[in-house]
Amino acid sequence: MTTPVCTSASMTQFTIYVRTKGPTLLRTARSLTPNPADAEDLLQTALTKTYLAWDRIDDHRAVDGYVRRTLVNTRTSQWRKRKVDEFSTDELPEPAATDGPDITEQQAQRDALLRAIARLPPRQRAMVVLRYYEDMSEAQTAEAMGVSIGTVKSAVSRALGKLRDDPELELCVA
């Protein structure tokens, strides 16, 4: 049995349809699968099926619905055919317990510290950032800020005192 092929006039209509509706149909395909390459393949498959049925479609105003239904059915078929590598075992494959610090807790502490630094006065904040985030010496910080080394020492000392007394950071240390 041979597959019917569209006539020249039908092929022209199909080509025009694909050129005008292609981007919209691709958006539909992308909503059905998370991978853009898979969405393009899905659309290509659906358009191939539509091309083969083009002469059998009586109402070409309903082609959008036909193609969308073909997209959904094709995606469903792909999903059903996927290979599942699951095997039952006597023991659950749990990840190994780590003795290291809790990454979530570390991130919460970093966030709390950044909020506390943001509450410092601008000059103290700048000096703390230069000293401890940019790893500048007191002399380099003084030069960058245009102040004396003693000013940097006292301002950083006051800033660190405020950070030690910050109630949000007390929760992180405890």
N, C-alpha and C. Protein backbone atom coordinates (compact mmCIF):
# COMPACT_ATOMS: atom_id res chain seq x y z
N MET A 1 0.84 -1.17 0.00
CA MET A 1 0.00 0.00 0.00
C MET A 1 0.89 1.24 0.00
N THR A 2 0.65 2.14 -0.90
CA THR A 2 1.45 3.35 -0.99
C THR A 2 0.78 4.47 -0.22
N THR A 3 1.60 5.35 0.30
CA THR A 3 1.10 6.49 1.05
C THR A 3 0.74 7.58 0.07
N PRO A 4 -0.46 8.17 0.17
CA PRO A 4 -0.83 9.23 -0.75
C PRO A 4 0.04 10.46 -0.51
N VAL A 5 0.41 11.10 -1.60
CA VAL A 5 1.23 12.30 -1.52
C VAL A 5 0.38 13.46 -2.01
N CYS A 6 0.57 14.62 -1.41
CA CYS A 6 -0.21 15.80 -1.77
C CYS A 6 0.04 16.20 -3.22
N THR A 7 -0.97 16.78 -3.82
CA THR A 7 -0.82 17.32 -5.16
C THR A 7 -0.03 18.63 -5.07
N SER A 8 0.33 19.16 -6.20
CA SER A 8 1.12 20.40 -6.24
C SER A 8 0.38 21.56 -5.58
N ALA A 9 -0.92 21.68 -5.87
CA ALA A 9 -1.70 22.76 -5.27
C ALA A 9 -1.82 22.56 -3.76
N SER A 10 -2.02 21.33 -3.35
CA SER A 10 -2.12 21.03 -1.92
C SER A 10 -0.79 21.28 -1.22
N MET A 11 0.31 20.95 -1.90
CA MET A 11 1.62 21.17 -1.33
C MET A 11 1.88 22.66 -1.12
N THR A 12 1.43 23.47 -2.05
CA THR A 12 1.57 24.91 -1.92
C THR A 12 0.76 25.42 -0.74
N GLN A 13 -0.47 24.93 -0.59
CA GLN A 13 -1.30 25.32 0.54
C GLN A 13 -0.65 24.92 1.87
N PHE A 14 -0.11 23.70 1.90
CA PHE A 14 0.53 23.21 3.11
C PHE A 14 1.76 24.06 3.44
N THR A 15 2.55 24.38 2.44
CA THR A 15 3.74 25.21 2.65
C THR A 15 3.36 26.58 3.20
N ILE A 16 2.33 27.18 2.65
CA ILE A 16 1.86 28.48 3.14
C ILE A 16 1.39 28.35 4.58
N TYR A 17 0.65 27.28 4.86
CA TYR A 17 0.16 27.06 6.22
C TYR A 17 1.32 26.96 7.20
N VAL A 18 2.33 26.17 6.86
CA VAL A 18 3.48 25.97 7.77
C VAL A 18 4.23 27.28 7.97
N ARG A 19 4.40 28.06 6.91
CA ARG A 19 5.12 29.34 7.05
C ARG A 19 4.36 30.33 7.93
N THR A 20 3.05 30.35 7.84
CA THR A 20 2.28 31.32 8.62
C THR A 20 2.04 30.84 10.06
N LYS A 21 1.81 29.57 10.24
CA LYS A 21 1.46 29.05 11.56
C LYS A 21 2.62 28.39 12.30
N GLY A 22 3.75 28.24 11.65
CA GLY A 22 4.89 27.54 12.24
C GLY A 22 5.32 28.06 13.61
N PRO A 23 5.54 29.38 13.77
CA PRO A 23 5.97 29.88 15.08
C PRO A 23 4.94 29.61 16.19
N THR A 24 3.66 29.75 15.86
CA THR A 24 2.62 29.48 16.85
C THR A 24 2.61 28.01 17.23
N LEU A 25 2.73 27.16 16.24
CA LEU A 25 2.74 25.72 16.51
C LEU A 25 3.99 25.31 17.31
N LEU A 26 5.10 25.97 17.04
CA LEU A 26 6.32 25.67 17.79
C LEU A 26 6.15 26.05 19.26
N ARG A 27 5.48 27.17 19.53
CA ARG A 27 5.20 27.55 20.92
C ARG A 27 4.34 26.48 21.60
N THR A 28 3.37 25.96 20.86
CA THR A 28 2.53 24.90 21.41
C THR A 28 3.38 23.66 21.72
N ALA A 29 4.25 23.31 20.80
CA ALA A 29 5.11 22.13 21.00
C ALA A 29 6.04 22.36 22.19
N ARG A 30 6.54 23.58 22.36
CA ARG A 30 7.42 23.87 23.50
C ARG A 30 6.68 23.80 24.82
N SER A 31 5.39 24.03 24.79
CA SER A 31 4.63 23.91 26.03
C SER A 31 4.38 22.44 26.39
N LEU A 32 4.56 21.56 25.43
CA LEU A 32 4.34 20.13 25.67
C LEU A 32 5.60 19.40 26.12
N THR A 33 6.76 19.97 25.85
CA THR A 33 8.02 19.32 26.21
C THR A 33 9.01 20.38 26.66
N PRO A 34 9.79 20.11 27.70
CA PRO A 34 10.68 21.14 28.23
C PRO A 34 11.92 21.41 27.37
N ASN A 35 12.33 20.46 26.57
CA ASN A 35 13.54 20.60 25.77
C ASN A 35 13.20 21.22 24.42
N PRO A 36 13.81 22.37 24.07
CA PRO A 36 13.50 23.02 22.78
C PRO A 36 13.78 22.13 21.56
N ALA A 37 14.83 21.34 21.62
CA ALA A 37 15.14 20.45 20.49
C ALA A 37 14.06 19.37 20.34
N ASP A 38 13.59 18.86 21.48
CA ASP A 38 12.51 17.86 21.43
C ASP A 38 11.22 18.49 20.90
N ALA A 39 11.00 19.76 21.24
CA ALA A 39 9.80 20.45 20.75
C ALA A 39 9.86 20.60 19.23
N GLU A 40 11.04 20.91 18.69
CA GLU A 40 11.18 21.02 17.24
C GLU A 40 10.95 19.67 16.57
N ASP A 41 11.48 18.61 17.16
CA ASP A 41 11.26 17.27 16.61
C ASP A 41 9.78 16.88 16.67
N LEU A 42 9.14 17.23 17.78
CA LEU A 42 7.72 16.93 17.94
C LEU A 42 6.90 17.65 16.86
N LEU A 43 7.20 18.92 16.66
CA LEU A 43 6.48 19.69 15.63
C LEU A 43 6.74 19.10 14.24
N GLN A 44 7.97 18.74 13.97
CA GLN A 44 8.31 18.16 12.66
C GLN A 44 7.51 16.87 12.43
N THR A 45 7.42 16.04 13.45
CA THR A 45 6.66 14.78 13.32
C THR A 45 5.18 15.07 13.09
N ALA A 46 4.63 16.02 13.85
CA ALA A 46 3.21 16.35 13.70
C ALA A 46 2.94 16.94 12.32
N LEU A 47 3.84 17.78 11.83
CA LEU A 47 3.65 18.36 10.49
C LEU A 47 3.77 17.29 9.41
N THR A 48 4.63 16.33 9.60
CA THR A 48 4.74 15.23 8.64
C THR A 48 3.44 14.44 8.58
N LYS A 49 2.87 14.15 9.74
CA LYS A 49 1.58 13.44 9.78
C LYS A 49 0.47 14.29 9.14
N THR A 50 0.52 15.58 9.39
CA THR A 50 -0.48 16.48 8.80
C THR A 50 -0.32 16.54 7.28
N TYR A 51 0.90 16.59 6.81
CA TYR A 51 1.16 16.62 5.37
C TYR A 51 0.58 15.38 4.69
N LEU A 52 0.79 14.22 5.34
CA LEU A 52 0.28 12.98 4.75
C LEU A 52 -1.25 12.94 4.72
N ALA A 53 -1.88 13.66 5.64
CA ALA A 53 -3.35 13.66 5.71
C ALA A 53 -3.96 14.91 5.08
N TRP A 54 -3.15 15.78 4.51
CA TRP A 54 -3.62 17.08 4.03
C TRP A 54 -4.81 16.98 3.08
N ASP A 55 -4.74 16.08 2.13
CA ASP A 55 -5.83 15.96 1.15
C ASP A 55 -7.10 15.34 1.77
N ARG A 56 -6.97 14.68 2.88
CA ARG A 56 -8.13 14.08 3.54
C ARG A 56 -8.84 15.06 4.48
N ILE A 57 -8.19 16.18 4.78
CA ILE A 57 -8.79 17.18 5.68
C ILE A 57 -9.78 17.99 4.85
N ASP A 58 -11.05 17.86 5.18
CA ASP A 58 -12.10 18.52 4.41
C ASP A 58 -12.14 20.02 4.66
N ASP A 59 -12.07 20.43 5.88
CA ASP A 59 -12.19 21.84 6.23
C ASP A 59 -10.83 22.36 6.66
N HIS A 60 -10.16 23.08 5.78
CA HIS A 60 -8.81 23.56 6.08
C HIS A 60 -8.82 24.69 7.12
N ARG A 61 -10.00 25.17 7.48
CA ARG A 61 -10.06 26.15 8.58
C ARG A 61 -9.86 25.45 9.91
N ALA A 62 -10.01 24.14 9.93
CA ALA A 62 -9.86 23.37 11.17
C ALA A 62 -8.49 22.72 11.28
N VAL A 63 -7.56 23.10 10.41
CA VAL A 63 -6.24 22.47 10.40
C VAL A 63 -5.50 22.74 11.71
N ASP A 64 -5.64 23.94 12.28
CA ASP A 64 -4.96 24.26 13.54
C ASP A 64 -5.31 23.24 14.61
N GLY A 65 -6.58 22.95 14.75
CA GLY A 65 -7.01 21.96 15.74
C GLY A 65 -6.46 20.58 15.44
N TYR A 66 -6.43 20.23 14.16
CA TYR A 66 -5.90 18.93 13.74
C TYR A 66 -4.43 18.82 14.12
N VAL A 67 -3.67 19.87 13.83
CA VAL A 67 -2.23 19.83 14.12
C VAL A 67 -1.99 19.80 15.63
N ARG A 68 -2.74 20.59 16.37
CA ARG A 68 -2.58 20.59 17.83
C ARG A 68 -2.91 19.21 18.41
N ARG A 69 -3.98 18.61 17.94
CA ARG A 69 -4.34 17.28 18.41
C ARG A 69 -3.23 16.29 18.04
N THR A 70 -2.66 16.43 16.84
CA THR A 70 -1.56 15.56 16.41
C THR A 70 -0.35 15.77 17.32
N LEU A 71 -0.07 17.03 17.68
CA LEU A 71 1.05 17.31 18.60
C LEU A 71 0.84 16.60 19.93
N VAL A 72 -0.35 16.75 20.48
CA VAL A 72 -0.64 16.14 21.79
C VAL A 72 -0.59 14.62 21.70
N ASN A 73 -1.20 14.05 20.68
CA ASN A 73 -1.20 12.60 20.54
C ASN A 73 0.21 12.05 20.33
N THR A 74 1.00 12.75 19.53
CA THR A 74 2.38 12.31 19.28
C THR A 74 3.19 12.38 20.56
N ARG A 75 3.04 13.46 21.31
CA ARG A 75 3.77 13.61 22.58
C ARG A 75 3.33 12.53 23.57
N THR A 76 2.06 12.24 23.62
CA THR A 76 1.56 11.20 24.51
C THR A 76 2.14 9.85 24.12
N SER A 77 2.20 9.57 22.84
CA SER A 77 2.78 8.30 22.37
C SER A 77 4.26 8.21 22.74
N GLN A 78 4.99 9.32 22.58
CA GLN A 78 6.40 9.33 22.95
C GLN A 78 6.56 9.08 24.44
N TRP A 79 5.71 9.70 25.22
CA TRP A 79 5.79 9.56 26.67
C TRP A 79 5.52 8.11 27.09
N ARG A 80 4.55 7.50 26.45
CA ARG A 80 4.21 6.12 26.79
C ARG A 80 5.30 5.14 26.38
N LYS A 81 6.01 5.45 25.32
CA LYS A 81 7.03 4.54 24.81
C LYS A 81 8.37 4.70 25.50
N ARG A 82 8.52 5.72 26.33
CA ARG A 82 9.83 5.96 26.93
C ARG A 82 10.25 4.77 27.78
N LYS A 83 11.51 4.54 27.81
CA LYS A 83 12.05 3.42 28.56
C LYS A 83 12.21 3.84 30.03
N VAL A 84 11.71 3.04 30.90
CA VAL A 84 11.81 3.33 32.32
C VAL A 84 12.78 2.33 32.93
N ASP A 85 13.84 2.87 33.52
CA ASP A 85 14.84 2.02 34.14
C ASP A 85 14.65 2.02 35.65
N GLU A 86 13.63 1.35 36.10
CA GLU A 86 13.36 1.22 37.52
C GLU A 86 13.34 -0.25 37.89
N PHE A 87 14.02 -0.55 38.95
CA PHE A 87 14.09 -1.93 39.40
C PHE A 87 13.77 -1.95 40.89
N SER A 88 12.99 -2.94 41.30
CA SER A 88 12.67 -3.04 42.72
C SER A 88 13.85 -3.69 43.44
N THR A 89 14.12 -3.17 44.63
CA THR A 89 15.21 -3.70 45.45
C THR A 89 14.73 -3.83 46.89
N ASP A 90 15.49 -4.54 47.67
CA ASP A 90 15.16 -4.68 49.09
C ASP A 90 15.53 -3.44 49.89
N GLU A 91 16.53 -2.70 49.42
CA GLU A 91 17.00 -1.51 50.14
C GLU A 91 16.78 -0.28 49.28
N LEU A 92 16.40 0.80 49.93
CA LEU A 92 16.23 2.06 49.21
C LEU A 92 17.59 2.70 48.95
N PRO A 93 17.82 3.18 47.75
CA PRO A 93 19.11 3.81 47.45
C PRO A 93 19.14 5.24 47.97
N GLU A 94 19.45 5.40 49.24
CA GLU A 94 19.50 6.73 49.85
C GLU A 94 20.88 7.33 49.62
N PRO A 95 20.93 8.64 49.46
CA PRO A 95 22.23 9.27 49.33
C PRO A 95 23.02 9.14 50.63
N ALA A 96 24.32 9.05 50.50
CA ALA A 96 25.17 8.92 51.68
C ALA A 96 25.08 10.18 52.53
N ALA A 97 24.99 9.98 53.82
CA ALA A 97 24.91 11.13 54.73
C ALA A 97 26.25 11.84 54.74
N THR A 98 26.20 13.14 54.64
CA THR A 98 27.43 13.93 54.64
C THR A 98 27.69 14.46 56.03
N ASP A 99 28.94 14.43 56.42
CA ASP A 99 29.33 14.93 57.72
C ASP A 99 29.62 16.43 57.66
N GLY A 100 29.64 16.98 56.47
CA GLY A 100 29.97 18.39 56.29
C GLY A 100 28.82 19.29 56.70
N PRO A 101 29.04 20.58 56.59
CA PRO A 101 28.01 21.54 56.99
C PRO A 101 26.81 21.50 56.04
N ASP A 102 25.68 21.89 56.57
CA ASP A 102 24.44 21.94 55.80
C ASP A 102 24.50 23.13 54.85
N ILE A 103 24.41 22.88 53.56
CA ILE A 103 24.53 23.93 52.55
C ILE A 103 23.40 24.95 52.69
N THR A 104 22.22 24.49 53.00
CA THR A 104 21.09 25.40 53.17
C THR A 104 21.32 26.34 54.34
N GLU A 105 21.84 25.81 55.42
CA GLU A 105 22.13 26.64 56.59
C GLU A 105 23.23 27.64 56.28
N GLN A 106 24.25 27.22 55.55
CA GLN A 106 25.32 28.15 55.16
C GLN A 106 24.76 29.30 54.33
N GLN A 107 23.87 28.99 53.40
CA GLN A 107 23.29 30.03 52.56
C GLN A 107 22.44 30.98 53.39
N ALA A 108 21.69 30.45 54.34
CA ALA A 108 20.88 31.30 55.23
C ALA A 108 21.77 32.23 56.04
N GLN A 109 22.91 31.72 56.51
CA GLN A 109 23.83 32.55 57.26
C GLN A 109 24.44 33.65 56.39
N ARG A 110 24.81 33.29 55.16
CA ARG A 110 25.34 34.30 54.23
C ARG A 110 24.31 35.39 53.96
N ASP A 111 23.07 34.98 53.73
CA ASP A 111 22.00 35.95 53.47
C ASP A 111 21.80 36.88 54.66
N ALA A 112 21.81 36.30 55.87
CA ALA A 112 21.64 37.12 57.08
C ALA A 112 22.80 38.09 57.22
N LEU A 113 24.01 37.64 56.94
CA LEU A 113 25.18 38.52 57.03
C LEU A 113 25.10 39.65 56.01
N LEU A 114 24.68 39.34 54.80
CA LEU A 114 24.56 40.39 53.78
C LEU A 114 23.49 41.41 54.15
N ARG A 115 22.39 40.96 54.73
CA ARG A 115 21.36 41.91 55.18
C ARG A 115 21.89 42.77 56.32
N ALA A 116 22.66 42.17 57.23
CA ALA A 116 23.23 42.94 58.35
C ALA A 116 24.23 43.96 57.85
N ILE A 117 25.06 43.59 56.90
CA ILE A 117 26.02 44.53 56.33
C ILE A 117 25.29 45.66 55.62
N ALA A 118 24.20 45.35 54.96
CA ALA A 118 23.42 46.38 54.25
C ALA A 118 22.82 47.38 55.23
N ARG A 119 22.62 46.99 56.49
CA ARG A 119 22.07 47.91 57.49
C ARG A 119 23.14 48.84 58.08
N LEU A 120 24.41 48.57 57.82
CA LEU A 120 25.47 49.45 58.32
C LEU A 120 25.41 50.80 57.61
N PRO A 121 25.92 51.86 58.24
CA PRO A 121 26.03 53.14 57.53
C PRO A 121 26.91 52.97 56.29
N PRO A 122 26.67 53.75 55.24
CA PRO A 122 27.38 53.56 53.98
C PRO A 122 28.91 53.53 54.10
N ARG A 123 29.49 54.42 54.90
CA ARG A 123 30.95 54.48 55.02
C ARG A 123 31.48 53.22 55.70
N GLN A 124 30.85 52.79 56.78
CA GLN A 124 31.29 51.57 57.46
C GLN A 124 31.10 50.36 56.55
N ARG A 125 29.98 50.33 55.86
CA ARG A 125 29.72 49.22 54.94
C ARG A 125 30.81 49.14 53.88
N ALA A 126 31.19 50.29 53.31
CA ALA A 126 32.23 50.31 52.28
C ALA A 126 33.56 49.80 52.83
N MET A 127 33.89 50.21 54.04
CA MET A 127 35.16 49.77 54.62
C MET A 127 35.16 48.27 54.93
N VAL A 128 34.04 47.75 55.44
CA VAL A 128 33.95 46.32 55.72
C VAL A 128 34.06 45.52 54.42
N VAL A 129 33.39 45.98 53.40
CA VAL A 129 33.44 45.28 52.11
C VAL A 129 34.86 45.30 51.55
N LEU A 130 35.52 46.45 51.59
CA LEU A 130 36.89 46.53 51.06
C LEU A 130 37.84 45.65 51.87
N ARG A 131 37.70 45.68 53.20
CA ARG A 131 38.62 44.92 54.05
C ARG A 131 38.39 43.41 53.94
N TYR A 132 37.12 42.98 54.00
CA TYR A 132 36.87 41.56 54.15
C TYR A 132 36.37 40.86 52.89
N TYR A 133 35.70 41.57 52.02
CA TYR A 133 35.25 40.95 50.77
C TYR A 133 36.27 41.14 49.65
N GLU A 134 36.89 42.31 49.63
CA GLU A 134 37.91 42.58 48.61
C GLU A 134 39.31 42.21 49.11
N ASP A 135 39.41 41.85 50.39
CA ASP A 135 40.66 41.40 51.01
C ASP A 135 41.77 42.44 50.90
N MET A 136 41.41 43.71 51.10
CA MET A 136 42.40 44.78 51.08
C MET A 136 42.98 44.96 52.48
N SER A 137 44.22 45.42 52.51
CA SER A 137 44.83 45.73 53.81
C SER A 137 44.23 47.03 54.33
N GLU A 138 44.56 47.36 55.61
CA GLU A 138 44.06 48.62 56.17
C GLU A 138 44.60 49.80 55.37
N ALA A 139 45.86 49.72 54.95
CA ALA A 139 46.47 50.81 54.19
C ALA A 139 45.80 50.95 52.81
N GLN A 140 45.53 49.83 52.16
CA GLN A 140 44.87 49.88 50.85
C GLN A 140 43.45 50.43 50.98
N THR A 141 42.75 50.03 52.04
CA THR A 141 41.40 50.52 52.27
C THR A 141 41.42 52.02 52.53
N ALA A 142 42.39 52.47 53.36
CA ALA A 142 42.51 53.90 53.66
C ALA A 142 42.78 54.69 52.39
N GLU A 143 43.64 54.17 51.55
CA GLU A 143 43.96 54.86 50.29
C GLU A 143 42.73 54.90 49.37
N ALA A 144 42.02 53.79 49.27
CA ALA A 144 40.84 53.74 48.40
C ALA A 144 39.74 54.66 48.90
N MET A 145 39.61 54.81 50.21
CA MET A 145 38.55 55.65 50.79
C MET A 145 38.99 57.11 50.96
N GLY A 146 40.30 57.35 50.85
CA GLY A 146 40.80 58.72 51.02
C GLY A 146 40.79 59.15 52.48
N VAL A 147 41.07 58.22 53.39
CA VAL A 147 41.09 58.51 54.83
C VAL A 147 42.37 57.94 55.43
N SER A 148 42.58 58.20 56.70
CA SER A 148 43.78 57.67 57.37
C SER A 148 43.56 56.21 57.77
N ILE A 149 44.67 55.55 58.07
CA ILE A 149 44.60 54.15 58.50
C ILE A 149 43.86 54.06 59.83
N GLY A 150 44.07 55.00 60.71
CA GLY A 150 43.38 55.02 62.00
C GLY A 150 41.87 55.12 61.83
N THR A 151 41.42 55.90 60.84
CA THR A 151 39.99 56.03 60.57
C THR A 151 39.42 54.69 60.11
N VAL A 152 40.17 53.99 59.28
CA VAL A 152 39.73 52.67 58.81
C VAL A 152 39.63 51.72 59.99
N LYS A 153 40.66 51.71 60.86
CA LYS A 153 40.66 50.81 62.01
C LYS A 153 39.46 51.07 62.91
N SER A 154 39.20 52.34 63.22
CA SER A 154 38.10 52.64 64.15
C SER A 154 36.74 52.38 63.50
N ALA A 155 36.59 52.73 62.22
CA ALA A 155 35.30 52.53 61.54
C ALA A 155 35.00 51.04 61.39
N VAL A 156 36.00 50.25 61.04
CA VAL A 156 35.80 48.81 60.89
C VAL A 156 35.51 48.18 62.25
N SER A 157 36.19 48.65 63.29
CA SER A 157 35.94 48.14 64.63
C SER A 157 34.49 48.40 65.05
N ARG A 158 34.00 49.63 64.81
CA ARG A 158 32.61 49.95 65.16
C ARG A 158 31.64 49.11 64.32
N ALA A 159 31.94 48.92 63.06
CA ALA A 159 31.07 48.13 62.18
C ALA A 159 31.01 46.68 62.66
N LEU A 160 32.16 46.11 63.02
CA LEU A 160 32.16 44.73 63.49
C LEU A 160 31.40 44.61 64.81
N GLY A 161 31.49 45.63 65.65
CA GLY A 161 30.71 45.64 66.89
C GLY A 161 29.22 45.63 66.60
N LYS A 162 28.79 46.43 65.64
CA LYS A 162 27.36 46.44 65.26
C LYS A 162 26.94 45.08 64.71
N LEU A 163 27.81 44.47 63.93
CA LEU A 163 27.47 43.15 63.38
C LEU A 163 27.38 42.11 64.49
N ARG A 164 28.28 42.19 65.49
CA ARG A 164 28.23 41.24 66.61
C ARG A 164 26.93 41.39 67.40
N ASP A 165 26.43 42.63 67.50
CA ASP A 165 25.21 42.90 68.27
C ASP A 165 23.94 42.72 67.46
N ASP A 166 24.05 42.46 66.16
CA ASP A 166 22.87 42.34 65.31
C ASP A 166 22.05 41.11 65.73
N PRO A 167 20.77 41.30 66.07
CA PRO A 167 19.96 40.17 66.56
C PRO A 167 19.77 39.07 65.51
N GLU A 168 19.75 39.42 64.25
CA GLU A 168 19.56 38.41 63.20
C GLU A 168 20.78 37.50 63.10
N LEU A 169 21.97 38.07 63.35
CA LEU A 169 23.19 37.26 63.27
C LEU A 169 23.38 36.41 64.53
N GLU A 170 22.80 36.83 65.65
CA GLU A 170 22.89 36.03 66.86
C GLU A 170 22.25 34.66 66.64
N LEU A 171 21.15 34.63 65.87
CA LEU A 171 20.48 33.37 65.59
C LEU A 171 21.35 32.44 64.76
N CYS A 172 22.21 33.03 63.93
CA CYS A 172 23.07 32.21 63.05
C CYS A 172 24.22 31.60 63.84
N VAL A 173 24.72 32.30 64.84
CA VAL A 173 25.88 31.82 65.60
C VAL A 173 25.46 30.77 66.60
N ALA A 174 24.27 30.90 67.15
CA ALA A 174 23.83 30.00 68.23
C ALA A 174 23.66 28.59 67.79
